Amino acid sequence: MRMPGTSWFWASATIFIIAAACLISSPAKAYEYQDDFSTDKAENDSNFHSIFWPQGAFPPRQAYLYFRDKTDERELGFGDYNDDPAYLCYCFPEDSENLTGSVYGELLIDVRRLESSGYLSYQTSADGVNWSIEVELPIGSQQETHEIHLESVRGSCYVKFSGTGVLIDNLQVNLHTPSATILVPEDFATIQEAIDNANEGDIIEVGPGTYRGEGNWDIDFRGKAITVRSSAGPDDTIIKCTGSEGHRGFYFHAYEGPDSVLRGFKIIGATIPGSDVPPDRNWISSPVNPVGGGIFCEFSSPSIVDCIIKECAAEMGGGIGVVNGSPIIIDCVIEDCQAGGFGQATSGGRGAGVAFSSNSDAIMLHSQIKNNSGYYNTLGSGIYCWRSSVFFSYCYISNNSAQGSVRGGGAFCGGSSSHTIEFENCVISSNTAEIGGGICAGYPGDIVVENVVITNCTIAHNSLSVNPSDPSVGGGIHSVSSDITIRNSIVWSNDGVPIMLVDAASNSPVLYSCVEGGYPGQGNILRSLRSVEPQVD
């Protein structure tokens, strides 16, 4: 789940990857952290926390943390306010230079109950956004040591403690990043050959260089739960796809899950030509489907981390295309990709940056979708979501456009009454479209999109390619027949009108937001504030 207070969470989506690395006996890099609370270290090292309060002082009007002195040691206490628990959250490692790639390990902590009603719960997260179910530790009046498993494909582990009437001591964290078991090109000349010879749980590490040709494009994981990672990162490890017949970087189609991990590559120049957008229903699986120029996830749900997809093209999903899959995409850049425009095709393409279709259920975090271009009659120059549920968090969606008409310069959402598309803490800026420069949700004749949720986002400086002053078209957000909610967001300096909602399902769809020129609704700023123009760079 996400942090308390957010509007919606994905109970089914998890980003905690089953560590095949735990099965590997080879040495691993290590990270250690310790705090016995003898100093004020916790206040500085924690990611966020309740207020720290002096022991014995009159309690504040909020939940608080305090140091409790004993004869030979000091402990950290949790105090509530009106049944609201105190909280303490860490991110490990605080300096990630010592570890690269996925990490796993354990946290040890001593806990004892100070009050009969005292308790301590914890949640873990691999990104600080999606959190596990809250677990309450079994504690008594005597100090006991508890062990909490930590794991993250991204390389950062978050843990949040909340409680009251308890004392904690002797916090210890030990994390490891597993060593490679197969090296390219030392052990095998090509990446595909290494995958073909890998066993479940293996880690293939690819050295720096430019990889091209058979075995180094159209790479297939074969359904294996393995990690394929670069040793030097995406700037120095390049999958270069050339050739008139068309090649893509990676093709996931054998029901890979989140423990199939791709990390740290640049995929450049991949092109899958086609004449039309494939049909949404009655899908026939095939590598020649013009979907996913850089990466194609077909009925598969891998983890894609720290990758750059550049100058790739397909009819749908020029950078990344997903059909009936649930990938986790983290820390990626999708730029200068194209959808549509091959030969005499007039379909226009869908999602030049990334496309999700046919009951996909995906997560995209901390990523950039920028400078991508559609063709004529494009839906979603940056992002296309059709009959799918997708959660975008901390994404930067900018400078996406099309050669001709496009609905949704930054993103297009549509096609179903049973899916939710959420943008949280995103910046959607400087995109261009005929309708919905920032976001377009649905259009006349489309089936109602059940939920489009926009929370804590900045949508600014988006343009309309036709009649920028049209009072009937939303330059920031344009929605037709969608159940859309816009909360705690800034919509500013867009062409047309900032927000155009036609036949919205809710009577109050815009809440606690700053909209240029004002917008009716609870908590909205109902006046023009040009002096507070948002910073989007």
Foldseek 3Di string as FASTA:
>chain_A
DFDPPDDDADQPDAQFADALLVVDPDDWFKDKDKDQPQDPVQVVQFPDWAAEDEPPDDDDQAKYKYWDDDPPGIWIFTAGHPPFWTKTKHKPPPDQPRDDFKKKWKKKKKKAAQDPPKWKWKWKGQPNTHIHDIDIDDHYRDIDMDMDIFIGRARMMMMMMIIHRMIMGIIMIMMTDHDADAEPPVRPPAPQVVLVPDAASGEYEYEFDEDEDPRQWQRENQQGLYEYEYPPAAVGAEREYDDPQFTEGYEYANAHAQSHEYYGHEYADGEQEDQAQDDQPPDDDDPNRQFARHYEHENYEYEYYRYEYEAAEGQEARHYEYANEEYEYENYEFAHFEHDDPDPHPNFGEARRYEYGHAYEYEYELYEQEHFETEAAYEAQHYEYANYAYEYENYEFEHGEYPYAYAAQRYEAFHDQPYEYEYELYEQEHGEHQAAQRYEYDDPPTDEHNEYEYYNYEFEHGAHPPPQQAQQGAQRYEYARYQYAHENYEQYHGTHASYHYHNHPDPARYELYEGACADDHHNYDNHHDPVCPDDRD
